[in-house]
Amino acid sequence: MEPQSPWRPLLVPAIVVIVGLVIAWVLFAHFGRPKPDASGTVLRTLVYPVQVDAAVAQADPGAPGPVPTQDETILLVQARVTNISQQPLTIFDLNADIKLSGENNQSAAAMPEDVDRLMQRFPELTSMRMQPLARHQIIAPGQSAEGLMVFAYPWTKAQWSQRQNAHILVNFQTGHPLTLPLQ
């Protein structure tokens, strides 16, 4: 007759504990994740390259001298944000985060009055005109808000085409932020 191992009575409880821990981990991984407060869709984007003449853009005459032009890329994004939570959501901030040459570059969305000035200066952009998606805009539960966001980057269109990652981050006063990927 073989002598009984001193560890044998502990084997069944150890297996029960391990199985219990695995079940607890799976449940936490599934139910412990925060639920999103909003969903969103990018409806349309337009990348518009411009050359800004600093002499025209500057109101202060300052000292005379050569004024360089600067290439800029204006990004216009029409998007829809839907509140899927049970509480009203207030948009706190709108940012575009674009990775270029290994660096993250952020741009805050233009204010509504700046969007109006942009449309006046570049009438060819009026096909994108719609009510801006604005900071402090409240979205009721189950409702959606559609609007235009405008971002500017000091890049040429060739530089823009070399971007590696681009998304818009919609932050709310309360709740989890929403990330909208850009193509």
N, C-alpha and C. Protein backbone atom coordinates (compact mmCIF):
# COMPACT_ATOMS: atom_id res chain seq x y z
N MET A 1 0.83 -1.18 0.00
CA MET A 1 0.00 0.00 0.00
C MET A 1 0.88 1.24 0.00
N GLU A 2 0.50 2.18 -0.83
CA GLU A 2 1.28 3.40 -1.01
C GLU A 2 0.92 4.41 0.07
N PRO A 3 1.94 5.13 0.62
CA PRO A 3 1.62 6.13 1.63
C PRO A 3 0.92 7.34 0.98
N GLN A 4 -0.05 7.91 1.69
CA GLN A 4 -0.82 9.04 1.17
C GLN A 4 0.03 10.31 1.23
N SER A 5 -0.02 11.12 0.15
CA SER A 5 0.73 12.37 0.08
C SER A 5 0.09 13.38 1.04
N PRO A 6 0.94 14.16 1.75
CA PRO A 6 0.37 15.14 2.68
C PRO A 6 -0.35 16.29 1.94
N TRP A 7 -0.10 16.45 0.66
CA TRP A 7 -0.71 17.55 -0.11
C TRP A 7 -2.03 17.14 -0.76
N ARG A 8 -2.32 15.88 -0.80
CA ARG A 8 -3.52 15.38 -1.49
C ARG A 8 -4.81 15.98 -0.94
N PRO A 9 -5.01 16.12 0.38
CA PRO A 9 -6.27 16.71 0.86
C PRO A 9 -6.42 18.18 0.46
N LEU A 10 -5.34 18.87 0.13
CA LEU A 10 -5.40 20.29 -0.25
C LEU A 10 -5.61 20.50 -1.75
N LEU A 11 -5.50 19.46 -2.52
CA LEU A 11 -5.60 19.57 -3.97
C LEU A 11 -7.00 20.03 -4.42
N VAL A 12 -8.05 19.42 -3.93
CA VAL A 12 -9.41 19.79 -4.34
C VAL A 12 -9.74 21.22 -3.92
N PRO A 13 -9.48 21.66 -2.67
CA PRO A 13 -9.75 23.06 -2.33
C PRO A 13 -8.93 24.04 -3.18
N ALA A 14 -7.70 23.69 -3.52
CA ALA A 14 -6.87 24.57 -4.35
C ALA A 14 -7.47 24.72 -5.74
N ILE A 15 -7.96 23.64 -6.31
CA ILE A 15 -8.58 23.71 -7.63
C ILE A 15 -9.85 24.55 -7.57
N VAL A 16 -10.65 24.40 -6.52
CA VAL A 16 -11.87 25.19 -6.36
C VAL A 16 -11.54 26.67 -6.25
N VAL A 17 -10.49 27.03 -5.50
CA VAL A 17 -10.08 28.43 -5.36
C VAL A 17 -9.62 28.99 -6.70
N ILE A 18 -8.84 28.24 -7.45
CA ILE A 18 -8.33 28.70 -8.75
C ILE A 18 -9.50 28.90 -9.72
N VAL A 19 -10.43 27.96 -9.78
CA VAL A 19 -11.58 28.10 -10.66
C VAL A 19 -12.42 29.31 -10.24
N GLY A 20 -12.59 29.52 -8.93
CA GLY A 20 -13.34 30.68 -8.44
C GLY A 20 -12.68 31.99 -8.83
N LEU A 21 -11.36 32.05 -8.72
CA LEU A 21 -10.64 33.28 -9.11
C LEU A 21 -10.76 33.54 -10.60
N VAL A 22 -10.70 32.51 -11.41
CA VAL A 22 -10.84 32.68 -12.86
C VAL A 22 -12.24 33.20 -13.19
N ILE A 23 -13.26 32.64 -12.56
CA ILE A 23 -14.63 33.11 -12.80
C ILE A 23 -14.78 34.56 -12.36
N ALA A 24 -14.23 34.91 -11.19
CA ALA A 24 -14.31 36.30 -10.72
C ALA A 24 -13.60 37.24 -11.68
N TRP A 25 -12.45 36.85 -12.21
CA TRP A 25 -11.71 37.70 -13.14
C TRP A 25 -12.49 37.90 -14.43
N VAL A 26 -13.11 36.83 -14.95
CA VAL A 26 -13.89 36.94 -16.18
C VAL A 26 -15.10 37.86 -15.96
N LEU A 27 -15.79 37.70 -14.84
CA LEU A 27 -16.93 38.57 -14.56
C LEU A 27 -16.51 40.03 -14.42
N PHE A 28 -15.40 40.28 -13.74
CA PHE A 28 -14.92 41.65 -13.59
C PHE A 28 -14.52 42.24 -14.94
N ALA A 29 -13.84 41.42 -15.76
CA ALA A 29 -13.41 41.90 -17.08
C ALA A 29 -14.60 42.27 -17.95
N HIS A 30 -15.70 41.53 -17.79
CA HIS A 30 -16.88 41.82 -18.61
C HIS A 30 -17.74 42.93 -18.03
N PHE A 31 -18.06 42.87 -16.74
CA PHE A 31 -18.98 43.82 -16.13
C PHE A 31 -18.28 44.99 -15.46
N GLY A 32 -17.00 44.86 -15.18
CA GLY A 32 -16.27 45.91 -14.47
C GLY A 32 -15.83 47.06 -15.34
N ARG A 33 -15.88 46.88 -16.66
CA ARG A 33 -15.48 47.96 -17.56
C ARG A 33 -16.52 49.07 -17.53
N PRO A 34 -16.06 50.32 -17.57
CA PRO A 34 -17.04 51.42 -17.60
C PRO A 34 -17.79 51.41 -18.93
N LYS A 35 -19.07 51.62 -18.84
CA LYS A 35 -19.90 51.68 -20.03
C LYS A 35 -19.74 53.06 -20.67
N PRO A 36 -19.74 53.12 -22.00
CA PRO A 36 -19.63 54.43 -22.65
C PRO A 36 -20.87 55.28 -22.39
N ASP A 37 -20.67 56.58 -22.35
CA ASP A 37 -21.78 57.50 -22.14
C ASP A 37 -22.33 58.03 -23.47
N ALA A 38 -21.51 57.93 -24.51
CA ALA A 38 -21.92 58.48 -25.80
C ALA A 38 -21.34 57.63 -26.92
N SER A 39 -22.01 57.68 -28.05
CA SER A 39 -21.47 57.08 -29.27
C SER A 39 -21.42 58.19 -30.31
N GLY A 40 -20.61 57.99 -31.31
CA GLY A 40 -20.49 59.05 -32.30
C GLY A 40 -20.10 58.53 -33.67
N THR A 41 -20.32 59.37 -34.64
CA THR A 41 -20.02 59.05 -36.03
C THR A 41 -19.48 60.29 -36.72
N VAL A 42 -18.43 60.11 -37.49
CA VAL A 42 -17.95 61.18 -38.36
C VAL A 42 -18.76 61.07 -39.64
N LEU A 43 -19.50 62.12 -39.95
CA LEU A 43 -20.37 62.11 -41.13
C LEU A 43 -19.61 62.47 -42.39
N ARG A 44 -18.71 63.45 -42.28
CA ARG A 44 -17.99 63.94 -43.45
C ARG A 44 -16.77 64.72 -43.00
N THR A 45 -15.68 64.62 -43.74
CA THR A 45 -14.49 65.41 -43.44
C THR A 45 -14.01 66.09 -44.72
N LEU A 46 -13.35 67.21 -44.52
CA LEU A 46 -12.74 67.94 -45.63
C LEU A 46 -11.42 68.50 -45.14
N VAL A 47 -10.36 68.21 -45.87
CA VAL A 47 -9.05 68.76 -45.57
C VAL A 47 -8.80 69.85 -46.60
N TYR A 48 -8.60 71.08 -46.10
CA TYR A 48 -8.49 72.23 -46.99
C TYR A 48 -7.16 72.95 -46.75
N PRO A 49 -6.24 72.87 -47.70
CA PRO A 49 -4.96 73.57 -47.53
C PRO A 49 -5.10 75.05 -47.90
N VAL A 50 -4.50 75.91 -47.11
CA VAL A 50 -4.52 77.35 -47.39
C VAL A 50 -3.12 77.91 -47.18
N GLN A 51 -2.88 79.04 -47.82
CA GLN A 51 -1.67 79.80 -47.56
C GLN A 51 -2.09 81.09 -46.90
N VAL A 52 -1.62 81.29 -45.69
CA VAL A 52 -2.00 82.46 -44.92
C VAL A 52 -0.92 83.52 -45.09
N ASP A 53 -1.34 84.71 -45.50
CA ASP A 53 -0.44 85.84 -45.60
C ASP A 53 -0.49 86.56 -44.26
N ALA A 54 0.61 86.53 -43.53
CA ALA A 54 0.63 87.11 -42.18
C ALA A 54 0.31 88.61 -42.20
N ALA A 55 0.60 89.31 -43.29
CA ALA A 55 0.31 90.75 -43.35
C ALA A 55 -1.20 90.99 -43.38
N VAL A 56 -1.94 90.14 -44.06
CA VAL A 56 -3.39 90.29 -44.12
C VAL A 56 -4.02 89.86 -42.80
N ALA A 57 -3.49 88.80 -42.19
CA ALA A 57 -4.07 88.25 -40.97
C ALA A 57 -3.77 89.11 -39.75
N GLN A 58 -2.71 89.93 -39.82
CA GLN A 58 -2.29 90.70 -38.66
C GLN A 58 -2.93 92.09 -38.69
N ALA A 59 -3.59 92.47 -37.62
CA ALA A 59 -4.24 93.78 -37.55
C ALA A 59 -3.27 94.87 -37.13
N ASP A 60 -2.26 94.54 -36.37
CA ASP A 60 -1.29 95.51 -35.88
C ASP A 60 -0.26 95.77 -36.97
N PRO A 61 -0.09 97.06 -37.38
CA PRO A 61 0.83 97.33 -38.48
C PRO A 61 2.27 96.99 -38.12
N GLY A 62 2.72 97.25 -36.91
CA GLY A 62 4.08 96.91 -36.48
C GLY A 62 5.14 97.50 -37.38
N ALA A 63 6.31 96.94 -37.32
CA ALA A 63 7.44 97.40 -38.12
C ALA A 63 7.35 96.83 -39.52
N PRO A 64 7.62 97.67 -40.53
CA PRO A 64 7.57 97.15 -41.89
C PRO A 64 8.71 96.16 -42.13
N GLY A 65 8.49 95.25 -43.01
CA GLY A 65 9.50 94.26 -43.34
C GLY A 65 8.88 93.16 -44.16
N PRO A 66 9.70 92.22 -44.61
CA PRO A 66 9.15 91.12 -45.41
C PRO A 66 8.25 90.25 -44.53
N VAL A 67 7.11 89.90 -45.07
CA VAL A 67 6.15 89.09 -44.33
C VAL A 67 6.03 87.74 -45.04
N PRO A 68 6.40 86.67 -44.35
CA PRO A 68 6.32 85.36 -45.00
C PRO A 68 4.88 84.84 -45.04
N THR A 69 4.65 83.97 -46.00
CA THR A 69 3.37 83.27 -46.02
C THR A 69 3.56 81.96 -45.28
N GLN A 70 2.46 81.43 -44.77
CA GLN A 70 2.53 80.19 -44.01
C GLN A 70 1.49 79.23 -44.54
N ASP A 71 1.92 78.00 -44.78
CA ASP A 71 0.98 76.97 -45.20
C ASP A 71 0.23 76.46 -43.97
N GLU A 72 -1.06 76.26 -44.13
CA GLU A 72 -1.88 75.70 -43.08
C GLU A 72 -2.83 74.68 -43.69
N THR A 73 -3.24 73.75 -42.88
CA THR A 73 -4.24 72.78 -43.28
C THR A 73 -5.42 72.95 -42.34
N ILE A 74 -6.58 73.20 -42.92
CA ILE A 74 -7.81 73.35 -42.13
C ILE A 74 -8.58 72.05 -42.27
N LEU A 75 -8.95 71.48 -41.14
CA LEU A 75 -9.69 70.24 -41.10
C LEU A 75 -11.12 70.54 -40.68
N LEU A 76 -12.07 70.26 -41.54
CA LEU A 76 -13.49 70.45 -41.24
C LEU A 76 -14.12 69.07 -41.06
N VAL A 77 -14.80 68.89 -39.94
CA VAL A 77 -15.39 67.58 -39.62
C VAL A 77 -16.85 67.77 -39.23
N GLN A 78 -17.72 67.10 -39.94
CA GLN A 78 -19.13 67.04 -39.55
C GLN A 78 -19.32 65.73 -38.79
N ALA A 79 -19.92 65.82 -37.59
CA ALA A 79 -20.05 64.63 -36.76
C ALA A 79 -21.39 64.61 -36.04
N ARG A 80 -21.76 63.41 -35.59
CA ARG A 80 -22.96 63.22 -34.78
C ARG A 80 -22.54 62.56 -33.48
N VAL A 81 -23.00 63.11 -32.35
CA VAL A 81 -22.73 62.56 -31.03
C VAL A 81 -24.07 62.20 -30.41
N THR A 82 -24.22 60.94 -29.97
CA THR A 82 -25.46 60.45 -29.38
C THR A 82 -25.24 60.10 -27.92
N ASN A 83 -26.11 60.61 -27.06
CA ASN A 83 -26.05 60.33 -25.63
C ASN A 83 -26.73 58.99 -25.38
N ILE A 84 -25.96 57.97 -24.98
CA ILE A 84 -26.53 56.66 -24.70
C ILE A 84 -26.60 56.39 -23.20
N SER A 85 -26.35 57.41 -22.41
CA SER A 85 -26.42 57.25 -20.95
C SER A 85 -27.82 57.65 -20.47
N GLN A 86 -28.01 57.57 -19.17
CA GLN A 86 -29.30 57.94 -18.57
C GLN A 86 -29.31 59.38 -18.08
N GLN A 87 -28.18 60.07 -18.17
CA GLN A 87 -28.04 61.44 -17.68
C GLN A 87 -27.73 62.37 -18.86
N PRO A 88 -28.12 63.64 -18.76
CA PRO A 88 -27.73 64.60 -19.81
C PRO A 88 -26.20 64.75 -19.85
N LEU A 89 -25.67 64.92 -21.03
CA LEU A 89 -24.23 65.14 -21.22
C LEU A 89 -24.01 66.56 -21.72
N THR A 90 -23.03 67.23 -21.12
CA THR A 90 -22.65 68.57 -21.56
C THR A 90 -21.26 68.48 -22.18
N ILE A 91 -21.14 68.92 -23.43
CA ILE A 91 -19.84 68.91 -24.10
C ILE A 91 -18.93 69.92 -23.42
N PHE A 92 -17.77 69.45 -23.00
CA PHE A 92 -16.82 70.32 -22.31
C PHE A 92 -15.75 70.83 -23.27
N ASP A 93 -15.21 69.95 -24.09
CA ASP A 93 -14.13 70.36 -24.99
C ASP A 93 -14.11 69.44 -26.20
N LEU A 94 -13.59 69.97 -27.32
CA LEU A 94 -13.47 69.24 -28.58
C LEU A 94 -12.04 69.42 -29.08
N ASN A 95 -11.31 68.31 -29.21
CA ASN A 95 -9.91 68.37 -29.66
C ASN A 95 -9.66 67.35 -30.74
N ALA A 96 -8.81 67.70 -31.68
CA ALA A 96 -8.32 66.75 -32.67
C ALA A 96 -6.89 66.42 -32.28
N ASP A 97 -6.57 65.14 -32.26
CA ASP A 97 -5.24 64.67 -31.90
C ASP A 97 -4.70 63.90 -33.09
N ILE A 98 -3.62 64.41 -33.68
CA ILE A 98 -3.08 63.83 -34.90
C ILE A 98 -1.60 63.55 -34.70
N LYS A 99 -1.21 62.33 -35.03
CA LYS A 99 0.18 61.93 -34.89
C LYS A 99 0.88 62.14 -36.23
N LEU A 100 1.94 62.94 -36.19
CA LEU A 100 2.73 63.22 -37.40
C LEU A 100 4.19 63.19 -37.01
N SER A 101 4.98 62.44 -37.73
CA SER A 101 6.42 62.30 -37.47
C SER A 101 6.69 61.85 -36.04
N GLY A 102 5.85 60.95 -35.54
CA GLY A 102 6.06 60.40 -34.21
C GLY A 102 5.61 61.29 -33.07
N GLU A 103 5.09 62.47 -33.35
CA GLU A 103 4.65 63.39 -32.30
C GLU A 103 3.14 63.57 -32.38
N ASN A 104 2.51 63.64 -31.19
CA ASN A 104 1.08 63.95 -31.14
C ASN A 104 0.89 65.45 -31.21
N ASN A 105 0.02 65.89 -32.08
CA ASN A 105 -0.28 67.31 -32.26
C ASN A 105 -1.76 67.52 -32.00
N GLN A 106 -2.07 68.38 -31.04
CA GLN A 106 -3.47 68.62 -30.70
C GLN A 106 -3.90 70.00 -31.18
N SER A 107 -5.16 70.08 -31.54
CA SER A 107 -5.76 71.35 -31.93
C SER A 107 -7.16 71.39 -31.33
N ALA A 108 -7.49 72.50 -30.70
CA ALA A 108 -8.83 72.68 -30.16
C ALA A 108 -9.75 73.15 -31.27
N ALA A 109 -11.01 72.76 -31.19
CA ALA A 109 -11.99 73.16 -32.20
C ALA A 109 -12.19 74.67 -32.15
N ALA A 110 -12.38 75.25 -33.32
CA ALA A 110 -12.61 76.69 -33.42
C ALA A 110 -13.94 77.06 -32.77
N MET A 111 -14.00 78.25 -32.24
CA MET A 111 -15.23 78.77 -31.65
C MET A 111 -16.23 79.08 -32.79
N PRO A 112 -17.54 79.08 -32.49
CA PRO A 112 -18.54 79.32 -33.55
C PRO A 112 -18.31 80.63 -34.33
N GLU A 113 -17.92 81.70 -33.65
CA GLU A 113 -17.69 82.96 -34.37
C GLU A 113 -16.49 82.87 -35.31
N ASP A 114 -15.50 82.06 -34.96
CA ASP A 114 -14.35 81.86 -35.84
C ASP A 114 -14.74 81.02 -37.06
N VAL A 115 -15.64 80.09 -36.86
CA VAL A 115 -16.13 79.28 -37.98
C VAL A 115 -16.87 80.18 -38.98
N ASP A 116 -17.67 81.12 -38.46
CA ASP A 116 -18.36 82.07 -39.35
C ASP A 116 -17.37 82.90 -40.15
N ARG A 117 -16.31 83.38 -39.50
CA ARG A 117 -15.29 84.17 -40.22
C ARG A 117 -14.58 83.33 -41.27
N LEU A 118 -14.33 82.07 -40.95
CA LEU A 118 -13.68 81.17 -41.90
C LEU A 118 -14.55 80.98 -43.14
N MET A 119 -15.86 80.81 -42.94
CA MET A 119 -16.77 80.63 -44.07
C MET A 119 -16.87 81.89 -44.93
N GLN A 120 -16.75 83.06 -44.30
CA GLN A 120 -16.76 84.31 -45.06
C GLN A 120 -15.48 84.46 -45.87
N ARG A 121 -14.35 84.09 -45.29
CA ARG A 121 -13.06 84.26 -45.96
C ARG A 121 -12.87 83.23 -47.08
N PHE A 122 -13.39 82.03 -46.88
CA PHE A 122 -13.26 80.97 -47.88
C PHE A 122 -14.65 80.47 -48.28
N PRO A 123 -15.33 81.17 -49.20
CA PRO A 123 -16.70 80.80 -49.56
C PRO A 123 -16.81 79.40 -50.18
N GLU A 124 -15.71 78.87 -50.69
CA GLU A 124 -15.75 77.53 -51.28
C GLU A 124 -15.98 76.44 -50.23
N LEU A 125 -15.90 76.79 -48.95
CA LEU A 125 -16.14 75.83 -47.88
C LEU A 125 -17.61 75.76 -47.45
N THR A 126 -18.46 76.56 -48.05
CA THR A 126 -19.85 76.62 -47.59
C THR A 126 -20.60 75.31 -47.77
N SER A 127 -20.10 74.40 -48.61
CA SER A 127 -20.76 73.09 -48.73
C SER A 127 -20.68 72.30 -47.42
N MET A 128 -19.74 72.65 -46.56
CA MET A 128 -19.59 71.98 -45.26
C MET A 128 -20.34 72.72 -44.14
N ARG A 129 -20.95 73.85 -44.46
CA ARG A 129 -21.57 74.68 -43.43
C ARG A 129 -22.72 73.93 -42.74
N MET A 130 -22.68 73.94 -41.44
CA MET A 130 -23.77 73.48 -40.59
C MET A 130 -23.54 74.06 -39.21
N GLN A 131 -24.50 73.98 -38.33
CA GLN A 131 -24.37 74.51 -36.98
C GLN A 131 -23.15 73.87 -36.31
N PRO A 132 -22.27 74.66 -35.70
CA PRO A 132 -21.11 74.06 -35.04
C PRO A 132 -21.51 73.19 -33.85
N LEU A 133 -20.76 72.13 -33.64
CA LEU A 133 -20.87 71.35 -32.42
C LEU A 133 -20.10 72.17 -31.39
N ALA A 134 -20.80 72.64 -30.39
CA ALA A 134 -20.21 73.67 -29.52
C ALA A 134 -19.97 73.17 -28.10
N ARG A 135 -19.01 73.81 -27.47
CA ARG A 135 -18.76 73.56 -26.05
C ARG A 135 -20.00 74.01 -25.26
N HIS A 136 -20.26 73.35 -24.17
CA HIS A 136 -21.38 73.64 -23.26
C HIS A 136 -22.74 73.27 -23.87
N GLN A 137 -22.73 72.60 -24.99
CA GLN A 137 -23.97 72.12 -25.59
C GLN A 137 -24.44 70.90 -24.79
N ILE A 138 -25.72 70.87 -24.44
CA ILE A 138 -26.28 69.78 -23.63
C ILE A 138 -27.00 68.80 -24.54
N ILE A 139 -26.69 67.52 -24.36
CA ILE A 139 -27.34 66.46 -25.14
C ILE A 139 -28.17 65.63 -24.16
N ALA A 140 -29.48 65.62 -24.34
CA ALA A 140 -30.38 64.88 -23.45
C ALA A 140 -30.20 63.37 -23.67
N PRO A 141 -30.54 62.56 -22.66
CA PRO A 141 -30.42 61.10 -22.82
C PRO A 141 -31.22 60.61 -24.02
N GLY A 142 -30.58 59.77 -24.83
CA GLY A 142 -31.23 59.23 -26.01
C GLY A 142 -31.25 60.16 -27.21
N GLN A 143 -30.79 61.38 -27.06
CA GLN A 143 -30.80 62.36 -28.15
C GLN A 143 -29.41 62.46 -28.79
N SER A 144 -29.37 63.10 -29.96
CA SER A 144 -28.12 63.30 -30.69
C SER A 144 -27.91 64.77 -30.99
N ALA A 145 -26.66 65.13 -31.19
CA ALA A 145 -26.31 66.47 -31.64
C ALA A 145 -25.39 66.31 -32.85
N GLU A 146 -25.71 67.04 -33.91
CA GLU A 146 -24.86 67.04 -35.10
C GLU A 146 -24.27 68.43 -35.25
N GLY A 147 -23.03 68.46 -35.72
CA GLY A 147 -22.44 69.77 -35.93
C GLY A 147 -21.09 69.70 -36.60
N LEU A 148 -20.58 70.88 -36.89
CA LEU A 148 -19.31 71.05 -37.58
C LEU A 148 -18.23 71.41 -36.57
N MET A 149 -17.08 70.80 -36.72
CA MET A 149 -15.90 71.16 -35.92
C MET A 149 -14.80 71.54 -36.91
N VAL A 150 -14.07 72.59 -36.58
CA VAL A 150 -13.00 73.07 -37.46
C VAL A 150 -11.71 73.12 -36.66
N PHE A 151 -10.66 72.54 -37.22
CA PHE A 151 -9.34 72.49 -36.59
C PHE A 151 -8.32 73.02 -37.59
N ALA A 152 -7.25 73.62 -37.09
CA ALA A 152 -6.20 74.16 -37.97
C ALA A 152 -4.85 73.63 -37.53
N TYR A 153 -4.03 73.28 -38.51
CA TYR A 153 -2.67 72.80 -38.26
C TYR A 153 -1.71 73.54 -39.19
N PRO A 154 -0.52 73.88 -38.71
CA PRO A 154 0.46 74.60 -39.53
C PRO A 154 1.25 73.66 -40.46
N TRP A 155 0.54 72.90 -41.26
CA TRP A 155 1.16 71.92 -42.13
C TRP A 155 0.72 72.13 -43.57
N THR A 156 1.52 71.61 -44.48
CA THR A 156 1.12 71.55 -45.88
C THR A 156 0.23 70.32 -46.07
N LYS A 157 -0.42 70.25 -47.22
CA LYS A 157 -1.26 69.07 -47.49
C LYS A 157 -0.38 67.82 -47.60
N ALA A 158 0.85 67.98 -48.10
CA ALA A 158 1.76 66.83 -48.19
C ALA A 158 2.10 66.31 -46.79
N GLN A 159 2.34 67.21 -45.85
CA GLN A 159 2.60 66.78 -44.48
C GLN A 159 1.37 66.09 -43.90
N TRP A 160 0.19 66.65 -44.15
CA TRP A 160 -1.05 66.06 -43.65
C TRP A 160 -1.20 64.62 -44.14
N SER A 161 -0.85 64.39 -45.40
CA SER A 161 -1.02 63.04 -45.97
C SER A 161 -0.09 62.02 -45.31
N GLN A 162 0.92 62.48 -44.57
CA GLN A 162 1.86 61.57 -43.89
C GLN A 162 1.47 61.29 -42.44
N ARG A 163 0.29 61.73 -42.02
CA ARG A 163 -0.13 61.48 -40.65
C ARG A 163 -0.24 59.98 -40.41
N GLN A 164 -0.02 59.58 -39.16
CA GLN A 164 -0.04 58.16 -38.83
C GLN A 164 -1.31 57.76 -38.09
N ASN A 165 -1.87 58.69 -37.34
CA ASN A 165 -3.05 58.38 -36.53
C ASN A 165 -3.79 59.69 -36.31
N ALA A 166 -5.11 59.64 -36.41
CA ALA A 166 -5.89 60.87 -36.22
C ALA A 166 -7.23 60.51 -35.59
N HIS A 167 -7.61 61.28 -34.57
CA HIS A 167 -8.92 61.10 -33.97
C HIS A 167 -9.36 62.39 -33.28
N ILE A 168 -10.66 62.47 -33.06
CA ILE A 168 -11.23 63.61 -32.34
C ILE A 168 -11.66 63.11 -30.98
N LEU A 169 -11.38 63.90 -29.97
CA LEU A 169 -11.74 63.57 -28.60
C LEU A 169 -12.80 64.56 -28.14
N VAL A 170 -13.99 64.03 -27.83
CA VAL A 170 -15.09 64.85 -27.32
C VAL A 170 -15.14 64.59 -25.81
N ASN A 171 -14.83 65.61 -25.03
CA ASN A 171 -14.84 65.49 -23.57
C ASN A 171 -16.14 66.07 -23.03
N PHE A 172 -16.67 65.42 -22.02
CA PHE A 172 -17.90 65.87 -21.38
C PHE A 172 -17.60 66.35 -19.96
N GLN A 173 -18.46 67.21 -19.41
CA GLN A 173 -18.25 67.68 -18.05
C GLN A 173 -18.30 66.52 -17.07
N THR A 174 -19.23 65.62 -17.28
CA THR A 174 -19.27 64.38 -16.50
C THR A 174 -19.40 63.25 -17.50
N GLY A 175 -18.83 62.15 -17.20
CA GLY A 175 -18.90 61.02 -18.12
C GLY A 175 -17.59 60.78 -18.81
N HIS A 176 -17.55 59.68 -19.54
CA HIS A 176 -16.33 59.26 -20.22
C HIS A 176 -16.21 59.97 -21.55
N PRO A 177 -14.98 60.31 -21.96
CA PRO A 177 -14.79 60.96 -23.26
C PRO A 177 -15.12 60.02 -24.41
N LEU A 178 -15.42 60.62 -25.54
CA LEU A 178 -15.74 59.88 -26.76
C LEU A 178 -14.63 60.12 -27.77
N THR A 179 -14.14 59.04 -28.37
CA THR A 179 -13.10 59.14 -29.39
C THR A 179 -13.71 58.81 -30.74
N LEU A 180 -13.54 59.75 -31.68
CA LEU A 180 -14.02 59.56 -33.05
C LEU A 180 -12.82 59.42 -33.97
N PRO A 181 -12.58 58.24 -34.54
CA PRO A 181 -11.42 58.09 -35.43
C PRO A 181 -11.64 58.83 -36.76
N LEU A 182 -10.56 59.39 -37.27
CA LEU A 182 -10.57 60.06 -38.58
C LEU A 182 -9.83 59.19 -39.58
N GLN A 183 -10.31 59.18 -40.79
CA GLN A 183 -9.64 58.38 -41.84
C GLN A 183 -8.55 59.17 -42.49
